[in-house]
Amino acid sequence: MIVVTGAAGFIGSNIIKGLNAEGNTNILAVGD
């Protein structure tokens, strides 16, 4: 599992987009 904090922001959302593009699907997005 990958935890991304600040997922609602520009950098966090792009990190999630990149992880999804690489095939990672087990992501926990935490928005503050």
PDB file of N, CA and C in Angstrom:
ATOM      1  N   MET A   1       0.844  -1.178   0.000  1.00  0.00           N
ATOM      2  CA  MET A   1       0.000   0.000   0.000  1.00  0.00           C
ATOM      3  C   MET A   1       0.885   1.236   0.000  1.00  0.00           C
ATOM      4  N   ILE A   2       0.499   2.198  -0.794  1.00  0.00           N
ATOM      5  CA  ILE A   2       1.201   3.475  -0.868  1.00  0.00           C
ATOM      6  C   ILE A   2       0.272   4.543  -0.301  1.00  0.00           C
ATOM      7  N   VAL A   3       0.768   5.333   0.645  1.00  0.00           N
ATOM      8  CA  VAL A   3      -0.010   6.415   1.236  1.00  0.00           C
ATOM      9  C   VAL A   3       0.509   7.734   0.684  1.00  0.00           C
ATOM     10  N   VAL A   4      -0.389   8.527   0.102  1.00  0.00           N
ATOM     11  CA  VAL A   4      -0.033   9.836  -0.437  1.00  0.00           C
ATOM     12  C   VAL A   4      -0.768  10.881   0.384  1.00  0.00           C
ATOM     13  N   THR A   5      -0.009  11.716   1.108  1.00  0.00           N
ATOM     14  CA  THR A   5      -0.632  12.795   1.872  1.00  0.00           C
ATOM     15  C   THR A   5      -0.666  14.051   1.013  1.00  0.00           C
ATOM     16  N   GLY A   6      -1.632  14.902   1.281  1.00  0.00           N
ATOM     17  CA  GLY A   6      -1.776  16.112   0.479  1.00  0.00           C
ATOM     18  C   GLY A   6      -2.306  15.803  -0.910  1.00  0.00           C
ATOM     19  N   ALA A   7      -3.113  14.764  -1.012  1.00  0.00           N
ATOM     20  CA  ALA A   7      -3.584  14.286  -2.310  1.00  0.00           C
ATOM     21  C   ALA A   7      -4.507  15.276  -3.021  1.00  0.00           C
ATOM     22  N   ALA A   8      -5.070  16.222  -2.292  1.00  0.00           N
ATOM     23  CA  ALA A   8      -5.963  17.190  -2.912  1.00  0.00           C
ATOM     24  C   ALA A   8      -5.201  18.300  -3.626  1.00  0.00           C
ATOM     25  N   GLY A   9      -3.928  18.419  -3.344  1.00  0.00           N
ATOM     26  CA  GLY A   9      -3.123  19.470  -3.962  1.00  0.00           C
ATOM     27  C   GLY A   9      -2.589  19.072  -5.324  1.00  0.00           C
ATOM     28  N   PHE A  10      -1.901  20.005  -5.962  1.00  0.00           N
ATOM     29  CA  PHE A  10      -1.373  19.799  -7.314  1.00  0.00           C
ATOM     30  C   PHE A  10      -0.334  18.686  -7.356  1.00  0.00           C
ATOM     31  N   ILE A  11       0.631  18.742  -6.452  1.00  0.00           N
ATOM     32  CA  ILE A  11       1.711  17.747  -6.465  1.00  0.00           C
ATOM     33  C   ILE A  11       1.175  16.369  -6.093  1.00  0.00           C
ATOM     34  N   GLY A  12       0.378  16.296  -5.039  1.00  0.00           N
ATOM     35  CA  GLY A  12      -0.165  15.012  -4.607  1.00  0.00           C
ATOM     36  C   GLY A  12      -1.027  14.349  -5.665  1.00  0.00           C
ATOM     37  N   SER A  13      -1.860  15.132  -6.333  1.00  0.00           N
ATOM     38  CA  SER A  13      -2.724  14.554  -7.365  1.00  0.00           C
ATOM     39  C   SER A  13      -1.915  14.055  -8.551  1.00  0.00           C
ATOM     40  N   ASN A  14      -0.833  14.754  -8.877  1.00  0.00           N
ATOM     41  CA  ASN A  14       0.021  14.302  -9.979  1.00  0.00           C
ATOM     42  C   ASN A  14       0.849  13.082  -9.596  1.00  0.00           C
ATOM     43  N   ILE A  15       1.220  12.977  -8.328  1.00  0.00           N
ATOM     44  CA  ILE A  15       1.904  11.760  -7.871  1.00  0.00           C
ATOM     45  C   ILE A  15       0.969  10.561  -8.020  1.00  0.00           C
ATOM     46  N   ILE A  16      -0.282  10.719  -7.625  1.00  0.00           N
ATOM     47  CA  ILE A  16      -1.254   9.631  -7.759  1.00  0.00           C
ATOM     48  C   ILE A  16      -1.467   9.278  -9.227  1.00  0.00           C
ATOM     49  N   LYS A  17      -1.551  10.288 -10.071  1.00  0.00           N
ATOM     50  CA  LYS A  17      -1.713  10.041 -11.507  1.00  0.00           C
ATOM     51  C   LYS A  17      -0.538   9.238 -12.053  1.00  0.00           C
ATOM     52  N   GLY A  18       0.676   9.596 -11.649  1.00  0.00           N
ATOM     53  CA  GLY A  18       1.866   8.873 -12.092  1.00  0.00           C
ATOM     54  C   GLY A  18       1.913   7.451 -11.571  1.00  0.00           C
ATOM     55  N   LEU A  19       1.522   7.267 -10.312  1.00  0.00           N
ATOM     56  CA  LEU A  19       1.494   5.919  -9.741  1.00  0.00           C
ATOM     57  C   LEU A  19       0.483   5.039 -10.467  1.00  0.00           C
ATOM     58  N   ASN A  20      -0.667   5.605 -10.794  1.00  0.00           N
ATOM     59  CA  ASN A  20      -1.676   4.848 -11.541  1.00  0.00           C
ATOM     60  C   ASN A  20      -1.172   4.489 -12.928  1.00  0.00           C
ATOM     61  N   ALA A  21      -0.452   5.396 -13.563  1.00  0.00           N
ATOM     62  CA  ALA A  21       0.085   5.129 -14.900  1.00  0.00           C
ATOM     63  C   ALA A  21       1.098   3.987 -14.876  1.00  0.00           C
ATOM     64  N   GLU A  22       1.785   3.821 -13.748  1.00  0.00           N
ATOM     65  CA  GLU A  22       2.756   2.735 -13.605  1.00  0.00           C
ATOM     66  C   GLU A  22       2.096   1.420 -13.204  1.00  0.00           C
ATOM     67  N   GLY A  23       0.799   1.437 -12.961  1.00  0.00           N
ATOM     68  CA  GLY A  23       0.083   0.211 -12.625  1.00  0.00           C
ATOM     69  C   GLY A  23      -0.155  -0.001 -11.144  1.00  0.00           C
ATOM     70  N   ASN A  24       0.199   0.962 -10.316  1.00  0.00           N
ATOM     71  CA  ASN A  24      -0.061   0.853  -8.875  1.00  0.00           C
ATOM     72  C   ASN A  24      -1.529   1.167  -8.611  1.00  0.00           C
ATOM     73  N   THR A  25      -2.214   0.233  -7.962  1.00  0.00           N
ATOM     74  CA  THR A  25      -3.637   0.433  -7.695  1.00  0.00           C
ATOM     75  C   THR A  25      -3.970   0.447  -6.207  1.00  0.00           C
ATOM     76  N   ASN A  26      -3.029   0.057  -5.361  1.00  0.00           N
ATOM     77  CA  ASN A  26      -3.274   0.008  -3.923  1.00  0.00           C
ATOM     78  C   ASN A  26      -2.741   1.293  -3.293  1.00  0.00           C
ATOM     79  N   ILE A  27      -3.487   2.401  -3.488  1.00  0.00           N
ATOM     80  CA  ILE A  27      -3.057   3.731  -3.051  1.00  0.00           C
ATOM     81  C   ILE A  27      -4.092   4.298  -2.087  1.00  0.00           C
ATOM     82  N   LEU A  28      -3.613   4.805  -0.969  1.00  0.00           N
ATOM     83  CA  LEU A  28      -4.474   5.503  -0.018  1.00  0.00           C
ATOM     84  C   LEU A  28      -4.179   6.989  -0.141  1.00  0.00           C
ATOM     85  N   ALA A  29      -5.178   7.764  -0.574  1.00  0.00           N
ATOM     86  CA  ALA A  29      -5.017   9.200  -0.762  1.00  0.00           C
ATOM     87  C   ALA A  29      -5.591   9.932   0.447  1.00  0.00           C
ATOM     88  N   VAL A  30      -4.765  10.751   1.095  1.00  0.00           N
ATOM     89  CA  VAL A  30      -5.176  11.511   2.272  1.00  0.00           C
ATOM     90  C   VAL A  30      -5.132  12.989   1.917  1.00  0.00           C
ATOM     91  N   GLY A  31      -6.286  13.649   1.935  1.00  0.00           N
ATOM     92  CA  GLY A  31      -6.354  15.080   1.670  1.00  0.00           C
ATOM     93  C   GLY A  31      -6.546  15.835   2.971  1.00  0.00           C
ATOM     94  N   ASP A  32      -5.806  16.882   3.148  1.00  0.00           N
ATOM     95  CA  ASP A  32      -5.889  17.658   4.400  1.00  0.00           C
ATOM     96  C   ASP A  32      -6.921  18.745   4.309  1.00  0.00           C
TER      97      ASP A  32
END
